[in-house]
């Protein structure tokens, strides 16, 4: 009985740590796409491919409190960029 509870507890800790690691990876990947946002631009009109990928990653990173602040800031910047430069 105690062994089963210990195993469950360790599995919960493992799952939580993986969620945090996944969110950090998501925000880092989002930043990479954000930095490449101008790739594929034609004149003043920017491609939406990289900025949409950045928005997707930042939106998922909002779900964890550790990355919520940075994800929110980058998400707002990404939406602004998309509205200003990628949409006619």
C-alpha atoms as a PDB file:
ATOM      1  CA  UNK A   1       0.000   0.000   0.000  1.00  0.00           C
ATOM      2  CA  UNK A   2       2.729   2.459   0.957  1.00  0.00           C
ATOM      3  CA  UNK A   3       4.785   1.478  -2.071  1.00  0.00           C
ATOM      4  CA  UNK A   4       1.852   2.170  -4.390  1.00  0.00           C
ATOM      5  CA  UNK A   5       1.303   5.591  -2.827  1.00  0.00           C
ATOM      6  CA  UNK A   6       4.994   6.388  -3.178  1.00  0.00           C
ATOM      7  CA  UNK A   7       4.935   5.345  -6.838  1.00  0.00           C
ATOM      8  CA  UNK A   8       1.846   7.496  -7.482  1.00  0.00           C
ATOM      9  CA  UNK A   9       3.456  10.461  -5.752  1.00  0.00           C
ATOM     10  CA  UNK A  10       6.634  10.091  -7.801  1.00  0.00           C
ATOM     11  CA  UNK A  11       4.607   9.822 -11.011  1.00  0.00           C
ATOM     12  CA  UNK A  12       2.740  13.021 -10.163  1.00  0.00           C
ATOM     13  CA  UNK A  13       6.011  14.847  -9.478  1.00  0.00           C
ATOM     14  CA  UNK A  14       7.454  13.525 -12.731  1.00  0.00           C
ATOM     15  CA  UNK A  15       4.407  14.626 -14.736  1.00  0.00           C
ATOM     16  CA  UNK A  16       4.467  18.108 -13.222  1.00  0.00           C
ATOM     17  CA  UNK A  17       8.157  18.524 -13.951  1.00  0.00           C
ATOM     18  CA  UNK A  18       7.598  17.411 -17.551  1.00  0.00           C
ATOM     19  CA  UNK A  19       4.803  19.980 -17.932  1.00  0.00           C
ATOM     20  CA  UNK A  20       7.136  22.727 -16.737  1.00  0.00           C
ATOM     21  CA  UNK A  21       9.929  21.562 -19.030  1.00  0.00           C
ATOM     22  CA  UNK A  22       7.506  21.391 -21.941  1.00  0.00           C
ATOM     23  CA  UNK A  23       6.302  24.942 -21.320  1.00  0.00           C
ATOM     24  CA  UNK A  24       9.878  26.229 -21.188  1.00  0.00           C
ATOM     25  CA  UNK A  25      10.656  24.436 -24.428  1.00  0.00           C
ATOM     26  CA  UNK A  26       7.495  25.899 -25.941  1.00  0.00           C
ATOM     27  CA  UNK A  27       8.394  29.448 -25.003  1.00  0.00           C
ATOM     28  CA  UNK A  28      11.961  29.007 -26.287  1.00  0.00           C
ATOM     29  CA  UNK A  29      10.672  27.620 -29.565  1.00  0.00           C
ATOM     30  CA  UNK A  30       8.179  30.482 -29.746  1.00  0.00           C
ATOM     31  CA  UNK A  31      10.973  33.029 -29.284  1.00  0.00           C
ATOM     32  CA  UNK A  32      12.916  31.395 -32.124  1.00  0.00           C
ATOM     33  CA  UNK A  33       9.916  31.704 -34.443  1.00  0.00           C
ATOM     34  CA  UNK A  34       9.334  35.275 -33.260  1.00  0.00           C
ATOM     35  CA  UNK A  35      12.911  36.198 -34.116  1.00  0.00           C
ATOM     36  CA  UNK A  36      12.425  34.721 -37.606  1.00  0.00           C
ATOM     37  CA  UNK A  37       9.113  36.544 -38.139  1.00  0.00           C
ATOM     38  CA  UNK A  38      10.384  38.639 -41.062  1.00  0.00           C
ATOM     39  CA  UNK A  39      11.441  35.620 -43.141  1.00  0.00           C
ATOM     40  CA  UNK A  40       9.337  35.216 -46.268  1.00  0.00           C
ATOM     41  CA  UNK A  41       8.277  38.853 -46.330  1.00  0.00           C
ATOM     42  CA  UNK A  42       7.324  40.419 -49.632  1.00  0.00           C
ATOM     43  CA  UNK A  43       7.795  44.154 -49.488  1.00  0.00           C
ATOM     44  CA  UNK A  44       5.912  45.545 -46.509  1.00  0.00           C
ATOM     45  CA  UNK A  45       3.709  42.453 -46.177  1.00  0.00           C
ATOM     46  CA  UNK A  46       5.171  39.825 -43.855  1.00  0.00           C
ATOM     47  CA  UNK A  47       4.571  36.101 -44.086  1.00  0.00           C
ATOM     48  CA  UNK A  48       2.286  34.713 -41.379  1.00  0.00           C
ATOM     49  CA  UNK A  49       3.978  31.300 -41.201  1.00  0.00           C
ATOM     50  CA  UNK A  50       6.540  31.952 -38.433  1.00  0.00           C
ATOM     51  CA  UNK A  51       4.432  34.416 -36.461  1.00  0.00           C
ATOM     52  CA  UNK A  52       1.536  31.923 -36.359  1.00  0.00           C
ATOM     53  CA  UNK A  53       3.897  29.232 -35.030  1.00  0.00           C
ATOM     54  CA  UNK A  54       5.176  31.688 -32.415  1.00  0.00           C
ATOM     55  CA  UNK A  55       1.609  32.529 -31.354  1.00  0.00           C
ATOM     56  CA  UNK A  56       0.784  28.831 -31.037  1.00  0.00           C
ATOM     57  CA  UNK A  57       3.819  28.189 -28.800  1.00  0.00           C
ATOM     58  CA  UNK A  58       3.212  31.234 -26.606  1.00  0.00           C
ATOM     59  CA  UNK A  59      -0.461  30.317 -26.209  1.00  0.00           C
ATOM     60  CA  UNK A  60       0.477  26.862 -24.890  1.00  0.00           C
ATOM     61  CA  UNK A  61       3.108  28.356 -22.573  1.00  0.00           C
ATOM     62  CA  UNK A  62       0.406  30.469 -20.911  1.00  0.00           C
ATOM     63  CA  UNK A  63      -0.864  27.346 -19.166  1.00  0.00           C
ATOM     64  CA  UNK A  64       2.078  27.152 -16.749  1.00  0.00           C
ATOM     65  CA  UNK A  65       2.584  29.806 -14.089  1.00  0.00           C
ATOM     66  CA  UNK A  66       6.394  29.729 -14.460  1.00  0.00           C
ATOM     67  CA  UNK A  67       6.309  30.978 -18.046  1.00  0.00           C
ATOM     68  CA  UNK A  68       3.017  32.872 -17.986  1.00  0.00           C
ATOM     69  CA  UNK A  69       4.540  36.366 -17.728  1.00  0.00           C
ATOM     70  CA  UNK A  70       7.044  35.950 -20.575  1.00  0.00           C
ATOM     71  CA  UNK A  71       4.535  34.079 -22.719  1.00  0.00           C
ATOM     72  CA  UNK A  72       1.982  36.868 -22.281  1.00  0.00           C
ATOM     73  CA  UNK A  73       4.462  39.557 -23.281  1.00  0.00           C
ATOM     74  CA  UNK A  74       5.631  37.691 -26.377  1.00  0.00           C
ATOM     75  CA  UNK A  75       2.075  36.744 -27.304  1.00  0.00           C
ATOM     76  CA  UNK A  76       1.006  40.397 -27.247  1.00  0.00           C
ATOM     77  CA  UNK A  77       4.042  41.406 -29.307  1.00  0.00           C
ATOM     78  CA  UNK A  78       3.291  38.619 -31.789  1.00  0.00           C
ATOM     79  CA  UNK A  79      -0.342  39.660 -32.222  1.00  0.00           C
ATOM     80  CA  UNK A  80       0.743  43.276 -32.709  1.00  0.00           C
ATOM     81  CA  UNK A  81       3.294  42.268 -35.348  1.00  0.00           C
ATOM     82  CA  UNK A  82       0.770  40.096 -37.146  1.00  0.00           C
ATOM     83  CA  UNK A  83      -1.857  42.844 -37.192  1.00  0.00           C
ATOM     84  CA  UNK A  84       0.595  45.553 -38.236  1.00  0.00           C
ATOM     85  CA  UNK A  85       2.727  43.776 -40.829  1.00  0.00           C
ATOM     86  CA  UNK A  86       1.246  40.414 -41.826  1.00  0.00           C
ATOM     87  CA  UNK A  87      -2.414  41.211 -42.489  1.00  0.00           C
ATOM     88  CA  UNK A  88      -3.651  43.441 -45.295  1.00  0.00           C
END
